[in-house]
Structure formats: structure tokens, C-alpha cells
């Protein structure tokens, strides 16, 4: 559980998730808020480094390409 890569991934994705959450909350958009919450919470449920980094990158890519019209 205390693998350095897991701790690093949790810190990186949690920080990005917090930023996305604040951005979405400021603009009152639900997609960045939901993705930000997911980025902050999911590292607690995965201990496999490949799954942890893969899901994090997928959520960040989703955050980059979300479209609110």
C-alpha cells in the first residue's frame, strides 16, 4: 500500500483533481467537478500501480476533452 509510486500517483492525481474541482465549482459546471472528485477519491481504492496510473491518465484525458455547451 505504501509503494512510492502509489503515493506519488495519489498526490499528483489528487492535486489535479482538487484543481479541477475548484475550477468546476467556480464556473458551476458539473463535469469538471465530477472528474475532480473522481481523481481525488479513486487512489484509495486501487493498489495496483498500472491500474492506478492508467485510470488517472484516462480521467485527466477526459478532463481535457470534456465539452460543456
C-alpha atoms as a PDB file:
ATOM      1  CA  UNK A   1       0.000   0.000   0.000  1.00  0.00           C
ATOM      2  CA  UNK A   2       2.839   2.423   0.742  1.00  0.00           C
ATOM      3  CA  UNK A   3       4.613   1.910  -2.540  1.00  0.00           C
ATOM      4  CA  UNK A   4       6.354   5.192  -3.511  1.00  0.00           C
ATOM      5  CA  UNK A   5       4.741   5.123  -6.954  1.00  0.00           C
ATOM      6  CA  UNK A   6       1.282   4.792  -5.416  1.00  0.00           C
ATOM      7  CA  UNK A   7       1.941   7.690  -3.055  1.00  0.00           C
ATOM      8  CA  UNK A   8       3.241   9.809  -5.931  1.00  0.00           C
ATOM      9  CA  UNK A   9       0.233   8.948  -8.096  1.00  0.00           C
ATOM     10  CA  UNK A  10      -2.162   9.754  -5.263  1.00  0.00           C
ATOM     11  CA  UNK A  11      -0.502  13.116  -4.702  1.00  0.00           C
ATOM     12  CA  UNK A  12      -0.359  14.060  -8.399  1.00  0.00           C
ATOM     13  CA  UNK A  13      -3.884  12.972  -9.277  1.00  0.00           C
ATOM     14  CA  UNK A  14      -5.309  14.339  -6.031  1.00  0.00           C
ATOM     15  CA  UNK A  15      -3.762  17.744  -6.691  1.00  0.00           C
ATOM     16  CA  UNK A  16      -5.042  17.825 -10.266  1.00  0.00           C
ATOM     17  CA  UNK A  17      -8.440  16.631  -9.037  1.00  0.00           C
ATOM     18  CA  UNK A  18      -8.597  19.412  -6.452  1.00  0.00           C
ATOM     19  CA  UNK A  19      -7.803  21.962  -9.151  1.00  0.00           C
ATOM     20  CA  UNK A  20     -10.474  20.526 -11.442  1.00  0.00           C
ATOM     21  CA  UNK A  21     -12.990  20.531  -8.609  1.00  0.00           C
ATOM     22  CA  UNK A  22     -12.287  24.192  -7.807  1.00  0.00           C
ATOM     23  CA  UNK A  23     -12.439  25.135 -11.495  1.00  0.00           C
ATOM     24  CA  UNK A  24     -15.765  23.386 -11.988  1.00  0.00           C
ATOM     25  CA  UNK A  25     -17.217  24.782  -8.786  1.00  0.00           C
ATOM     26  CA  UNK A  26     -16.199  28.332  -9.740  1.00  0.00           C
ATOM     27  CA  UNK A  27     -17.776  28.075 -13.187  1.00  0.00           C
ATOM     28  CA  UNK A  28     -20.718  25.988 -11.902  1.00  0.00           C
ATOM     29  CA  UNK A  29     -20.060  23.126 -14.314  1.00  0.00           C
ATOM     30  CA  UNK A  30     -20.763  19.592 -13.167  1.00  0.00           C
ATOM     31  CA  UNK A  31     -18.343  17.662 -15.406  1.00  0.00           C
ATOM     32  CA  UNK A  32     -15.078  19.093 -14.023  1.00  0.00           C
ATOM     33  CA  UNK A  33     -16.499  18.799 -10.509  1.00  0.00           C
ATOM     34  CA  UNK A  34     -17.326  15.111 -11.008  1.00  0.00           C
ATOM     35  CA  UNK A  35     -13.993  14.315 -12.656  1.00  0.00           C
ATOM     36  CA  UNK A  36     -12.136  16.234  -9.942  1.00  0.00           C
ATOM     37  CA  UNK A  37     -13.892  14.289  -7.196  1.00  0.00           C
ATOM     38  CA  UNK A  38     -13.141  11.029  -9.007  1.00  0.00           C
ATOM     39  CA  UNK A  39      -9.466  11.982  -9.313  1.00  0.00           C
ATOM     40  CA  UNK A  40      -9.263  12.750  -5.609  1.00  0.00           C
ATOM     41  CA  UNK A  41     -11.050   9.599  -4.427  1.00  0.00           C
ATOM     42  CA  UNK A  42     -10.066   6.724  -6.721  1.00  0.00           C
ATOM     43  CA  UNK A  43      -6.430   6.284  -5.471  1.00  0.00           C
ATOM     44  CA  UNK A  44      -7.825   4.992  -2.175  1.00  0.00           C
ATOM     45  CA  UNK A  45      -9.413   2.004  -3.936  1.00  0.00           C
ATOM     46  CA  UNK A  46      -6.601   0.811  -6.228  1.00  0.00           C
ATOM     47  CA  UNK A  47      -3.233  -0.540  -5.140  1.00  0.00           C
ATOM     48  CA  UNK A  48      -2.076  -1.928  -8.497  1.00  0.00           C
ATOM     49  CA  UNK A  49       0.306   0.686  -9.960  1.00  0.00           C
ATOM     50  CA  UNK A  50      -0.715   0.003 -13.570  1.00  0.00           C
ATOM     51  CA  UNK A  51      -4.407   0.427 -12.780  1.00  0.00           C
ATOM     52  CA  UNK A  52      -3.721   3.481 -10.636  1.00  0.00           C
ATOM     53  CA  UNK A  53      -1.740   5.325 -13.299  1.00  0.00           C
ATOM     54  CA  UNK A  54      -3.954   4.115 -16.167  1.00  0.00           C
ATOM     55  CA  UNK A  55      -7.195   5.281 -14.576  1.00  0.00           C
ATOM     56  CA  UNK A  56      -5.604   8.581 -13.554  1.00  0.00           C
ATOM     57  CA  UNK A  57      -4.357   9.318 -17.048  1.00  0.00           C
ATOM     58  CA  UNK A  58      -7.742   8.327 -18.517  1.00  0.00           C
ATOM     59  CA  UNK A  59      -9.549  10.700 -16.144  1.00  0.00           C
ATOM     60  CA  UNK A  60      -7.156  13.542 -16.983  1.00  0.00           C
ATOM     61  CA  UNK A  61      -7.636  12.962 -20.709  1.00  0.00           C
ATOM     62  CA  UNK A  62     -11.396  13.002 -20.114  1.00  0.00           C
ATOM     63  CA  UNK A  63     -10.999  16.256 -18.198  1.00  0.00           C
ATOM     64  CA  UNK A  64      -9.002  17.797 -21.048  1.00  0.00           C
ATOM     65  CA  UNK A  65     -11.588  16.863 -23.680  1.00  0.00           C
ATOM     66  CA  UNK A  66     -14.851  17.493 -21.815  1.00  0.00           C
ATOM     67  CA  UNK A  67     -17.267  19.726 -23.637  1.00  0.00           C
ATOM     68  CA  UNK A  68     -19.896  21.826 -21.926  1.00  0.00           C
ATOM     69  CA  UNK A  69     -22.162  23.517 -24.389  1.00  0.00           C
END
